[in-house]
Protein backbone atom coordinates (compact mmCIF):
# COMPACT_ATOMS: atom_id res chain seq x y z
CA MET A 1 90.40 87.25 77.77
CA SER A 2 92.19 89.09 74.96
CA GLU A 3 88.95 90.74 73.75
CA TRP A 4 88.21 92.03 77.25
CA THR A 5 91.76 93.38 77.59
CA SER A 6 91.54 95.04 74.18
CA GLN A 7 88.26 96.77 75.06
CA ALA A 8 89.58 97.98 78.43
CA ARG A 9 92.82 99.31 76.88
CA ARG A 10 91.04 101.42 74.24
CA GLY A 11 89.55 103.93 76.64
CA ILE A 12 92.50 103.85 79.02
CA LEU A 13 94.92 104.52 76.17
CA GLU A 14 93.12 107.72 75.15
CA TYR A 15 93.11 108.89 78.77
CA SER A 16 96.81 108.02 79.13
CA ILE A 17 97.75 110.06 76.06
CA LEU A 18 95.81 113.07 77.28
CA LEU A 19 97.55 112.81 80.67
CA LEU A 20 100.99 112.55 79.08
CA ILE A 21 100.57 115.54 76.79
CA SER A 22 98.91 117.61 79.53
CA LYS A 23 102.26 117.76 81.31
CA GLU A 24 104.11 119.04 78.24
CA PRO A 25 103.79 118.86 74.43
CA ARG A 26 105.11 115.57 73.07
CA TYR A 27 105.75 114.05 69.66
CA GLY A 28 104.36 110.71 68.51
CA TYR A 29 107.38 108.47 68.87
CA GLU A 30 108.03 109.97 72.32
CA LEU A 31 104.52 108.88 73.35
CA VAL A 32 105.16 105.35 72.06
CA THR A 33 108.40 105.22 74.07
CA LEU A 34 106.76 106.58 77.23
CA LEU A 35 103.85 104.14 77.03
CA ASP A 36 106.35 101.27 76.65
CA LYS A 37 107.34 101.93 80.30
CA TRP A 38 103.96 100.48 81.31
CA GLU A 39 103.69 97.14 79.51
CA PRO A 40 99.87 96.92 79.50
CA LEU A 41 99.77 100.32 77.74
CA ALA A 42 102.51 99.66 75.18
CA VAL A 43 101.38 100.54 71.64
CA THR A 44 102.76 100.63 68.14
CA GLU A 45 102.88 103.73 65.98
CA GLY A 46 100.14 102.08 63.90
CA THR A 47 97.82 102.22 66.92
CA LEU A 48 98.91 105.61 68.24
CA TYR A 49 98.75 107.79 65.13
CA PRO A 50 95.12 107.04 64.19
CA LEU A 51 94.15 107.90 67.78
CA LEU A 52 96.10 111.17 67.60
CA ARG A 53 94.42 112.01 64.26
CA ARG A 54 90.98 111.42 65.78
CA LEU A 55 91.79 113.56 68.82
CA LEU A 56 93.00 116.31 66.44
CA LYS A 57 89.84 116.06 64.35
CA GLU A 58 87.70 116.28 67.50
CA LYS A 59 89.77 119.32 68.60
CA TYR A 60 90.90 117.78 71.90
CA ILE A 61 94.53 118.23 70.90
CA GLU A 62 96.44 120.49 68.54
CA SER A 63 99.75 119.99 66.77
CA TYR A 64 102.70 121.98 65.53
CA TRP A 65 106.03 121.22 63.88
CA LYS A 66 109.32 121.87 65.66
CA GLU A 67 112.88 121.43 64.43
CA SER A 68 114.79 118.56 65.99
CA GLU A 69 118.44 118.71 66.99
CA SER A 70 118.89 115.10 65.91
CA GLY A 71 116.96 114.57 62.69
CA PRO A 72 113.92 115.81 60.81
CA PRO A 73 111.31 118.18 62.32
CA ARG A 74 108.87 116.56 64.75
CA LYS A 75 105.15 117.04 65.08
CA TYR A 76 104.28 117.90 68.68
CA TYR A 77 100.87 117.47 70.27
CA SER A 78 99.35 119.50 73.10
CA LEU A 79 95.95 119.76 74.78
CA THR A 80 93.34 122.30 73.77
CA LYS A 81 90.89 123.73 76.32
CA ALA A 82 88.39 121.07 75.21
CA GLY A 83 91.07 118.41 75.70
CA GLN A 84 91.80 119.70 79.18
CA TYR A 85 88.09 119.45 80.07
CA LEU A 86 87.87 115.95 78.58
CA MET A 87 90.94 114.81 80.52
CA GLU A 88 89.52 116.22 83.76
CA ALA A 89 86.17 114.49 83.12
CA MET A 90 87.98 111.23 82.37
CA SER A 91 89.98 111.66 85.57
CA ILE A 92 86.81 111.96 87.63
CA GLU A 93 85.28 108.89 85.97
CA TRP A 94 88.52 106.90 86.29
CA ASN A 95 88.66 107.66 90.02
CA LYS A 96 85.03 106.55 90.46
CA LEU A 97 85.64 103.34 88.50
CA SER A 98 88.90 102.46 90.22
CA THR A 99 87.43 103.16 93.66
CA ALA A 100 84.42 100.96 92.89
CA MET A 101 86.62 98.15 91.54
CA ASN A 102 88.89 98.31 94.60
CA GLN A 103 85.83 98.09 96.84
CA ILE A 104 84.47 95.13 94.85
CA GLU A 105 87.82 93.33 95.16
CA LEU A 106 87.71 93.86 98.92
CA TYR A 107 84.02 92.96 99.11
CA ARG A 108 84.12 89.36 97.91
CA GLY A 109 81.31 88.09 100.08
CA GLU A 110 80.58 90.99 102.40
CA GLU A 111 77.74 93.49 102.05
CA PRO A 112 78.88 96.81 100.52
CA GLY A 113 79.10 99.62 103.04
C-alpha cells in the first residue's frame, strides 16, 4: 500500500504547491508548515526543495529574495504564466479524476449512468 500512496502523492503534491503559491507568494518553510495541516500531504524540506527547484527549472514558478523581520532573508516562490496554465490544466484533470472516483465508489455493482 505504501508504494501506491507514494505514487499518488507525487502528482498531488506538485498540484498542491501550485495551488498554495497561486494565492500569494510563499517561502519554502511556509509551504512545509501549510502542507502539515493536511497529514497526507505533509512533507519534509528534503522532499519540497527538489520539487521547487524542478518547477523553477521548468519555468512554472519564479523566485525572489525578501528580507524577513525575524531572521535571514527568505526565498519566495510565485507562479509564472506557464505555472498558472499548468495549475489550471491540473485543476481540470483533478476534477475529472475525483468525479470519476466518486462515481466509482457509488457504483459498486450498478451500471454506470
